Structures are given as structure tokens and as C-alpha cells.
Amino acid sequence: MDVFSTIFSLLVAAAGWYYMFYSRAVANLSSIEDQAINSRRLRLRRAGGFIMFLLAIALFAGFHSVDSATSAQAFVLVWLSVFILLLTVLLLAMADLRLTWKLRRSRLGRASAFEVEPPRKHS
């Protein structure tokens, strides 16, 4: 179990590191998106990456440093921080998704961003 939790924490940290420094998706949108909105999207993604990195540290601490039998208060505090960090990542991702829906809606004109075309039949 220790190996899997360590690997999981490292994967979460690597994903956060990637989002902070190496993700180029925002740069690819800069040609079709307003500069202010693109900057907001960049800040959201970097903040999300940083929170994911903190989440990895909290997960590692939760799996390896605290025990509910020895220190219940520390155990609850660490796992509550994991929950709050996970919720923060979720909220930042939803804000980024909302920006994507707005971009799609503006690119499609008046059509709704939620409409999906039915698959075409090939004959």
C-alpha cells in the first residue's frame, strides 16, 4: 500500500508541475481568445497546478505521517486539508471549463455551447 500511495502522490505532483510550467494549451488559444481572458485562463491553470502540487504533499503526509490512533487531531487536519485542496482544484477546473464554454459560444455565434451535433451516417 505504501508503494502505491507514494506513486500516486508523485503522479499528482508531476501533473501539478506540468500544469504550472509546461502546459502550452493556453498559448495555443491566444490566437483565438481575447488577451485578458487568455491571461485569466493562464493564471487559473497555474494556480490549479500549484494547488495540485500542494495536494500531492498533503496526500503523501496523509498516507505516511499521520495515524488516527496516535494523533486524531493531526489526522483530521491533514485529511481535511486534502479535501479542501481537492475541492479547490475542482473549482478552478470548473472556472476554466466555463471560459472554454464562453469561447466556444463566441466562436459558434448565437448557437448554444452545449448543443452537440448528432453523428452523421456514412452511406
N, C-alpha and C. Protein backbone atom coordinates (compact mmCIF):
# COMPACT_ATOMS: atom_id res chain seq x y z
N MET A 1 0.82 -1.20 0.00
CA MET A 1 0.00 0.00 0.00
C MET A 1 0.86 1.25 0.00
N ASP A 2 1.97 1.21 0.72
CA ASP A 2 2.84 2.38 0.79
C ASP A 2 3.41 2.74 -0.57
N VAL A 3 3.74 1.74 -1.36
CA VAL A 3 4.31 2.00 -2.69
C VAL A 3 3.28 2.67 -3.59
N PHE A 4 2.05 2.17 -3.57
CA PHE A 4 1.01 2.73 -4.42
C PHE A 4 0.65 4.15 -4.02
N SER A 5 0.58 4.42 -2.73
CA SER A 5 0.25 5.77 -2.28
C SER A 5 1.39 6.74 -2.59
N THR A 6 2.61 6.28 -2.52
CA THR A 6 3.76 7.12 -2.88
C THR A 6 3.75 7.42 -4.37
N ILE A 7 3.51 6.41 -5.19
CA ILE A 7 3.45 6.61 -6.64
C ILE A 7 2.31 7.54 -7.00
N PHE A 8 1.15 7.37 -6.35
CA PHE A 8 0.01 8.25 -6.62
C PHE A 8 0.35 9.70 -6.26
N SER A 9 0.98 9.90 -5.12
CA SER A 9 1.37 11.26 -4.72
C SER A 9 2.35 11.86 -5.72
N LEU A 10 3.30 11.06 -6.18
CA LEU A 10 4.26 11.55 -7.17
C LEU A 10 3.58 11.89 -8.50
N LEU A 11 2.60 11.09 -8.91
CA LEU A 11 1.87 11.39 -10.15
C LEU A 11 1.07 12.68 -10.03
N VAL A 12 0.45 12.90 -8.89
CA VAL A 12 -0.30 14.14 -8.68
C VAL A 12 0.66 15.33 -8.69
N ALA A 13 1.82 15.18 -8.06
CA ALA A 13 2.82 16.26 -8.05
C ALA A 13 3.33 16.53 -9.46
N ALA A 14 3.56 15.47 -10.23
CA ALA A 14 4.05 15.65 -11.60
C ALA A 14 3.01 16.35 -12.47
N ALA A 15 1.75 16.01 -12.28
CA ALA A 15 0.68 16.67 -13.05
C ALA A 15 0.60 18.15 -12.68
N GLY A 16 0.71 18.46 -11.40
CA GLY A 16 0.71 19.85 -10.98
C GLY A 16 1.90 20.62 -11.52
N TRP A 17 3.07 20.00 -11.48
CA TRP A 17 4.28 20.63 -12.02
C TRP A 17 4.13 20.90 -13.51
N TYR A 18 3.57 19.93 -14.22
CA TYR A 18 3.36 20.10 -15.66
C TYR A 18 2.43 21.28 -15.94
N TYR A 19 1.31 21.36 -15.21
CA TYR A 19 0.36 22.45 -15.43
C TYR A 19 0.97 23.80 -15.09
N MET A 20 1.86 23.84 -14.10
CA MET A 20 2.47 25.12 -13.74
C MET A 20 3.47 25.61 -14.79
N PHE A 21 4.26 24.71 -15.35
CA PHE A 21 5.40 25.15 -16.14
C PHE A 21 5.42 24.71 -17.61
N TYR A 22 4.78 23.62 -17.97
CA TYR A 22 4.97 23.08 -19.30
C TYR A 22 3.72 23.03 -20.18
N SER A 23 2.56 23.27 -19.62
CA SER A 23 1.34 23.19 -20.41
C SER A 23 1.29 24.34 -21.42
N ARG A 24 1.12 24.01 -22.69
CA ARG A 24 1.10 25.01 -23.76
C ARG A 24 -0.30 25.22 -24.33
N ALA A 25 -1.30 24.62 -23.72
CA ALA A 25 -2.66 24.73 -24.25
C ALA A 25 -3.15 26.18 -24.23
N VAL A 26 -2.79 26.94 -23.22
CA VAL A 26 -3.22 28.34 -23.14
C VAL A 26 -2.56 29.15 -24.26
N ALA A 27 -1.31 28.88 -24.53
CA ALA A 27 -0.61 29.59 -25.61
C ALA A 27 -1.25 29.29 -26.96
N ASN A 28 -1.75 28.08 -27.13
CA ASN A 28 -2.40 27.72 -28.39
C ASN A 28 -3.72 28.47 -28.57
N LEU A 29 -4.36 28.85 -27.47
CA LEU A 29 -5.62 29.58 -27.56
C LEU A 29 -5.44 31.08 -27.70
N SER A 30 -4.23 31.58 -27.55
CA SER A 30 -4.01 33.03 -27.55
C SER A 30 -4.36 33.67 -28.89
N SER A 31 -4.32 32.92 -29.97
CA SER A 31 -4.63 33.50 -31.27
C SER A 31 -6.13 33.66 -31.50
N ILE A 32 -6.96 32.90 -30.78
CA ILE A 32 -8.40 32.97 -30.99
C ILE A 32 -9.16 33.52 -29.79
N GLU A 33 -8.45 33.80 -28.70
CA GLU A 33 -9.11 34.24 -27.48
C GLU A 33 -8.63 35.64 -27.11
N ASP A 34 -9.51 36.42 -26.49
CA ASP A 34 -9.17 37.74 -26.01
C ASP A 34 -7.98 37.65 -25.05
N GLN A 35 -7.08 38.63 -25.11
CA GLN A 35 -5.85 38.59 -24.31
C GLN A 35 -6.14 38.57 -22.81
N ALA A 36 -7.11 39.35 -22.35
CA ALA A 36 -7.43 39.39 -20.92
C ALA A 36 -7.97 38.04 -20.44
N ILE A 37 -8.84 37.45 -21.24
CA ILE A 37 -9.40 36.14 -20.88
C ILE A 37 -8.32 35.07 -20.93
N ASN A 38 -7.43 35.16 -21.90
CA ASN A 38 -6.34 34.20 -22.01
C ASN A 38 -5.41 34.30 -20.80
N SER A 39 -5.15 35.52 -20.35
CA SER A 39 -4.31 35.70 -19.16
C SER A 39 -4.99 35.12 -17.92
N ARG A 40 -6.30 35.30 -17.83
CA ARG A 40 -7.05 34.73 -16.71
C ARG A 40 -6.97 33.21 -16.74
N ARG A 41 -7.11 32.63 -17.94
CA ARG A 41 -7.03 31.18 -18.08
C ARG A 41 -5.64 30.68 -17.68
N LEU A 42 -4.59 31.42 -18.05
CA LEU A 42 -3.23 31.04 -17.67
C LEU A 42 -3.07 31.07 -16.15
N ARG A 43 -3.58 32.11 -15.51
CA ARG A 43 -3.49 32.20 -14.04
C ARG A 43 -4.27 31.07 -13.38
N LEU A 44 -5.45 30.76 -13.91
CA LEU A 44 -6.25 29.67 -13.36
C LEU A 44 -5.50 28.34 -13.45
N ARG A 45 -4.90 28.07 -14.59
CA ARG A 45 -4.21 26.80 -14.77
C ARG A 45 -2.95 26.71 -13.92
N ARG A 46 -2.22 27.81 -13.80
CA ARG A 46 -1.03 27.80 -12.94
C ARG A 46 -1.41 27.65 -11.48
N ALA A 47 -2.47 28.33 -11.07
CA ALA A 47 -2.94 28.17 -9.68
C ALA A 47 -3.41 26.74 -9.45
N GLY A 48 -4.10 26.17 -10.42
CA GLY A 48 -4.53 24.78 -10.30
C GLY A 48 -3.35 23.82 -10.19
N GLY A 49 -2.31 24.08 -10.97
CA GLY A 49 -1.11 23.26 -10.89
C GLY A 49 -0.43 23.36 -9.53
N PHE A 50 -0.37 24.57 -9.00
CA PHE A 50 0.23 24.76 -7.68
C PHE A 50 -0.59 24.06 -6.60
N ILE A 51 -1.91 24.17 -6.69
CA ILE A 51 -2.78 23.50 -5.72
C ILE A 51 -2.64 21.99 -5.85
N MET A 52 -2.49 21.48 -7.08
CA MET A 52 -2.27 20.04 -7.26
C MET A 52 -0.95 19.60 -6.62
N PHE A 53 0.07 20.45 -6.73
CA PHE A 53 1.36 20.13 -6.11
C PHE A 53 1.20 20.08 -4.59
N LEU A 54 0.48 21.07 -4.03
CA LEU A 54 0.21 21.05 -2.58
C LEU A 54 -0.62 19.84 -2.19
N LEU A 55 -1.56 19.47 -3.06
CA LEU A 55 -2.38 18.29 -2.82
C LEU A 55 -1.52 17.03 -2.74
N ALA A 56 -0.53 16.92 -3.60
CA ALA A 56 0.36 15.77 -3.58
C ALA A 56 1.12 15.69 -2.25
N ILE A 57 1.58 16.84 -1.77
CA ILE A 57 2.29 16.87 -0.48
C ILE A 57 1.34 16.46 0.64
N ALA A 58 0.12 16.99 0.62
CA ALA A 58 -0.86 16.64 1.66
C ALA A 58 -1.24 15.16 1.58
N LEU A 59 -1.39 14.63 0.38
CA LEU A 59 -1.69 13.20 0.24
C LEU A 59 -0.56 12.34 0.81
N PHE A 60 0.67 12.70 0.48
CA PHE A 60 1.82 11.95 1.00
C PHE A 60 1.84 12.01 2.52
N ALA A 61 1.61 13.21 3.06
CA ALA A 61 1.58 13.36 4.52
C ALA A 61 0.44 12.54 5.13
N GLY A 62 -0.71 12.54 4.46
CA GLY A 62 -1.84 11.78 4.97
C GLY A 62 -1.61 10.29 4.97
N PHE A 63 -0.93 9.80 3.95
CA PHE A 63 -0.68 8.36 3.86
C PHE A 63 0.48 7.90 4.73
N HIS A 64 1.47 8.78 4.96
CA HIS A 64 2.71 8.33 5.59
C HIS A 64 3.03 8.95 6.95
N SER A 65 2.47 10.11 7.29
CA SER A 65 2.93 10.73 8.53
C SER A 65 1.92 10.76 9.66
N VAL A 66 0.66 10.69 9.37
CA VAL A 66 -0.32 10.77 10.45
C VAL A 66 -1.05 9.45 10.61
N ASP A 67 -1.42 9.18 11.84
CA ASP A 67 -2.15 7.96 12.17
C ASP A 67 -3.31 8.35 13.08
N SER A 68 -4.47 7.85 12.78
CA SER A 68 -5.64 8.22 13.57
C SER A 68 -5.55 7.70 15.00
N ALA A 69 -4.78 6.65 15.22
CA ALA A 69 -4.67 6.09 16.57
C ALA A 69 -3.77 6.93 17.46
N THR A 70 -2.72 7.52 16.90
CA THR A 70 -1.77 8.28 17.73
C THR A 70 -2.15 9.75 17.86
N SER A 71 -2.60 10.35 16.78
CA SER A 71 -2.95 11.77 16.82
C SER A 71 -4.17 12.02 15.94
N ALA A 72 -5.32 11.93 16.56
CA ALA A 72 -6.57 12.08 15.82
C ALA A 72 -6.72 13.49 15.26
N GLN A 73 -6.27 14.49 16.00
CA GLN A 73 -6.39 15.87 15.55
C GLN A 73 -5.55 16.13 14.30
N ALA A 74 -4.32 15.64 14.29
CA ALA A 74 -3.46 15.80 13.12
C ALA A 74 -4.01 15.04 11.93
N PHE A 75 -4.53 13.85 12.19
CA PHE A 75 -5.12 13.04 11.13
C PHE A 75 -6.28 13.77 10.46
N VAL A 76 -7.19 14.31 11.25
CA VAL A 76 -8.34 15.03 10.72
C VAL A 76 -7.88 16.30 10.00
N LEU A 77 -6.91 17.00 10.55
CA LEU A 77 -6.42 18.23 9.93
C LEU A 77 -5.79 17.97 8.56
N VAL A 78 -4.98 16.93 8.46
CA VAL A 78 -4.33 16.61 7.18
C VAL A 78 -5.36 16.18 6.14
N TRP A 79 -6.29 15.31 6.50
CA TRP A 79 -7.26 14.84 5.53
C TRP A 79 -8.31 15.89 5.20
N LEU A 80 -8.58 16.80 6.13
CA LEU A 80 -9.44 17.94 5.81
C LEU A 80 -8.76 18.87 4.82
N SER A 81 -7.45 19.05 4.99
CA SER A 81 -6.71 19.88 4.02
C SER A 81 -6.69 19.22 2.64
N VAL A 82 -6.59 17.89 2.59
CA VAL A 82 -6.66 17.18 1.31
C VAL A 82 -8.01 17.43 0.65
N PHE A 83 -9.08 17.34 1.43
CA PHE A 83 -10.42 17.58 0.89
C PHE A 83 -10.55 19.01 0.37
N ILE A 84 -10.07 19.98 1.13
CA ILE A 84 -10.18 21.39 0.72
C ILE A 84 -9.35 21.65 -0.53
N LEU A 85 -8.15 21.09 -0.61
CA LEU A 85 -7.31 21.26 -1.80
C LEU A 85 -7.96 20.61 -3.02
N LEU A 86 -8.54 19.44 -2.83
CA LEU A 86 -9.22 18.76 -3.93
C LEU A 86 -10.43 19.57 -4.41
N LEU A 87 -11.17 20.13 -3.49
CA LEU A 87 -12.30 20.98 -3.84
C LEU A 87 -11.84 22.23 -4.59
N THR A 88 -10.71 22.78 -4.17
CA THR A 88 -10.16 23.97 -4.85
C THR A 88 -9.74 23.64 -6.28
N VAL A 89 -9.10 22.50 -6.48
CA VAL A 89 -8.74 22.08 -7.83
C VAL A 89 -9.98 21.92 -8.69
N LEU A 90 -11.01 21.33 -8.12
CA LEU A 90 -12.27 21.15 -8.84
C LEU A 90 -12.89 22.48 -9.23
N LEU A 91 -12.90 23.45 -8.33
CA LEU A 91 -13.48 24.76 -8.62
C LEU A 91 -12.66 25.50 -9.68
N LEU A 92 -11.34 25.41 -9.62
CA LEU A 92 -10.51 26.04 -10.65
C LEU A 92 -10.73 25.39 -12.01
N ALA A 93 -10.88 24.08 -12.03
CA ALA A 93 -11.15 23.39 -13.30
C ALA A 93 -12.50 23.79 -13.86
N MET A 94 -13.49 23.97 -12.99
CA MET A 94 -14.81 24.39 -13.45
C MET A 94 -14.78 25.81 -14.00
N ALA A 95 -13.98 26.68 -13.39
CA ALA A 95 -13.84 28.05 -13.91
C ALA A 95 -13.18 28.02 -15.29
N ASP A 96 -12.18 27.18 -15.46
CA ASP A 96 -11.52 27.04 -16.76
C ASP A 96 -12.50 26.48 -17.79
N LEU A 97 -13.30 25.51 -17.39
CA LEU A 97 -14.31 24.95 -18.29
C LEU A 97 -15.33 26.00 -18.70
N ARG A 98 -15.71 26.86 -17.78
CA ARG A 98 -16.65 27.94 -18.10
C ARG A 98 -16.05 28.89 -19.14
N LEU A 99 -14.77 29.20 -19.00
CA LEU A 99 -14.11 30.04 -20.01
C LEU A 99 -14.10 29.35 -21.37
N THR A 100 -13.92 28.03 -21.36
CA THR A 100 -13.94 27.28 -22.62
C THR A 100 -15.33 27.31 -23.25
N TRP A 101 -16.38 27.19 -22.43
CA TRP A 101 -17.73 27.26 -22.96
C TRP A 101 -18.01 28.64 -23.55
N LYS A 102 -17.54 29.69 -22.88
CA LYS A 102 -17.73 31.05 -23.40
C LYS A 102 -17.01 31.21 -24.73
N LEU A 103 -15.80 30.68 -24.83
CA LEU A 103 -15.04 30.77 -26.08
C LEU A 103 -15.78 30.02 -27.18
N ARG A 104 -16.25 28.84 -26.87
CA ARG A 104 -16.98 28.06 -27.88
C ARG A 104 -18.24 28.78 -28.32
N ARG A 105 -18.97 29.35 -27.37
CA ARG A 105 -20.20 30.06 -27.70
C ARG A 105 -19.89 31.27 -28.58
N SER A 106 -18.83 31.99 -28.28
CA SER A 106 -18.49 33.15 -29.10
C SER A 106 -18.02 32.73 -30.49
N ARG A 107 -17.39 31.58 -30.60
CA ARG A 107 -16.92 31.10 -31.90
C ARG A 107 -18.09 30.56 -32.74
N LEU A 108 -19.11 30.04 -32.08
CA LEU A 108 -20.25 29.49 -32.81
C LEU A 108 -21.32 30.54 -33.10
N GLY A 109 -21.16 31.71 -32.55
CA GLY A 109 -22.17 32.75 -32.74
C GLY A 109 -23.25 32.61 -31.71
N ARG A 110 -24.49 32.62 -32.14
CA ARG A 110 -25.62 32.56 -31.22
C ARG A 110 -25.95 31.13 -30.77
N ALA A 111 -25.38 30.14 -31.42
CA ALA A 111 -25.70 28.75 -31.05
C ALA A 111 -25.19 28.46 -29.64
N SER A 112 -25.89 27.61 -28.97
CA SER A 112 -25.53 27.26 -27.60
C SER A 112 -24.25 26.43 -27.59
N ALA A 113 -23.44 26.65 -26.57
CA ALA A 113 -22.20 25.89 -26.44
C ALA A 113 -22.46 24.46 -25.99
N PHE A 114 -23.69 24.18 -25.55
CA PHE A 114 -24.00 22.85 -25.05
C PHE A 114 -24.58 21.95 -26.12
N GLU A 115 -24.93 22.51 -27.27
CA GLU A 115 -25.52 21.69 -28.32
C GLU A 115 -24.45 20.80 -28.94
N VAL A 116 -24.84 19.59 -29.19
CA VAL A 116 -23.94 18.62 -29.81
C VAL A 116 -24.60 18.13 -31.07
N GLU A 117 -23.84 18.11 -32.14
CA GLU A 117 -24.40 17.62 -33.39
C GLU A 117 -24.51 16.10 -33.33
N PRO A 118 -25.60 15.55 -33.86
CA PRO A 118 -25.71 14.10 -33.89
C PRO A 118 -24.69 13.52 -34.87
N PRO A 119 -24.27 12.30 -34.63
CA PRO A 119 -23.30 11.69 -35.55
C PRO A 119 -23.90 11.52 -36.94
N ARG A 120 -23.06 11.73 -37.93
CA ARG A 120 -23.52 11.59 -39.32
C ARG A 120 -23.37 10.16 -39.77
N LYS A 121 -24.36 9.70 -40.52
CA LYS A 121 -24.31 8.35 -41.05
C LYS A 121 -23.56 8.37 -42.37
N HIS A 122 -22.62 7.46 -42.47
CA HIS A 122 -21.87 7.33 -43.73
C HIS A 122 -22.56 6.27 -44.60
N SER A 123 -22.90 6.65 -45.83
CA SER A 123 -23.54 5.67 -46.70
C SER A 123 -22.69 5.33 -47.87
